[in-house]
């Protein structure tokens, strides 16, 4: 069995191997998987916030913001030989972990999901499946050989999309 490749918060990684890609601690964060149909080309990002424009700090991990992480993930996949027109995506996360009481800034999970979908649309990458929202954290694992995304949600169990 292949060793699992772990992607940390605000990180991203691309591979052309069959080793599963995993990230944990997805609360309001969104795990984005972009893969090439019919191959083992795959990448995962653990996105924490919607846009780099809200950051005053120019020193940040490339995987932190949806608007820079997703184009970078695609660029890395293409550099490894993936074909842009065969790329697909799956996403999970974007929970509402804290009561918002009408405060839009506290709705980070929802804003992250919207930003991720906007980037995928802009890059013409079809979103094949998603498990987003709710109030529970998730751990996800993507199998590049089968393109199955296994999602373990706190208190709700495991599902595969």
Foldseek 3Di string as FASTA:
>chain_A
DAAAAEAEALGKDWDQDQHKYKYFDFALWKWKKKAFPPGLTIMIATEAAADPVVDPDPDGRQRHHLVRNVVVSVVVSVVVPGDLVRMAMEMEGNEQQDDCVPPPVSSGSVSNVVSNVVVCVVSVHYHPYYHGYHHWTWMWIAGSVVRWIWIQTPPPGIDID
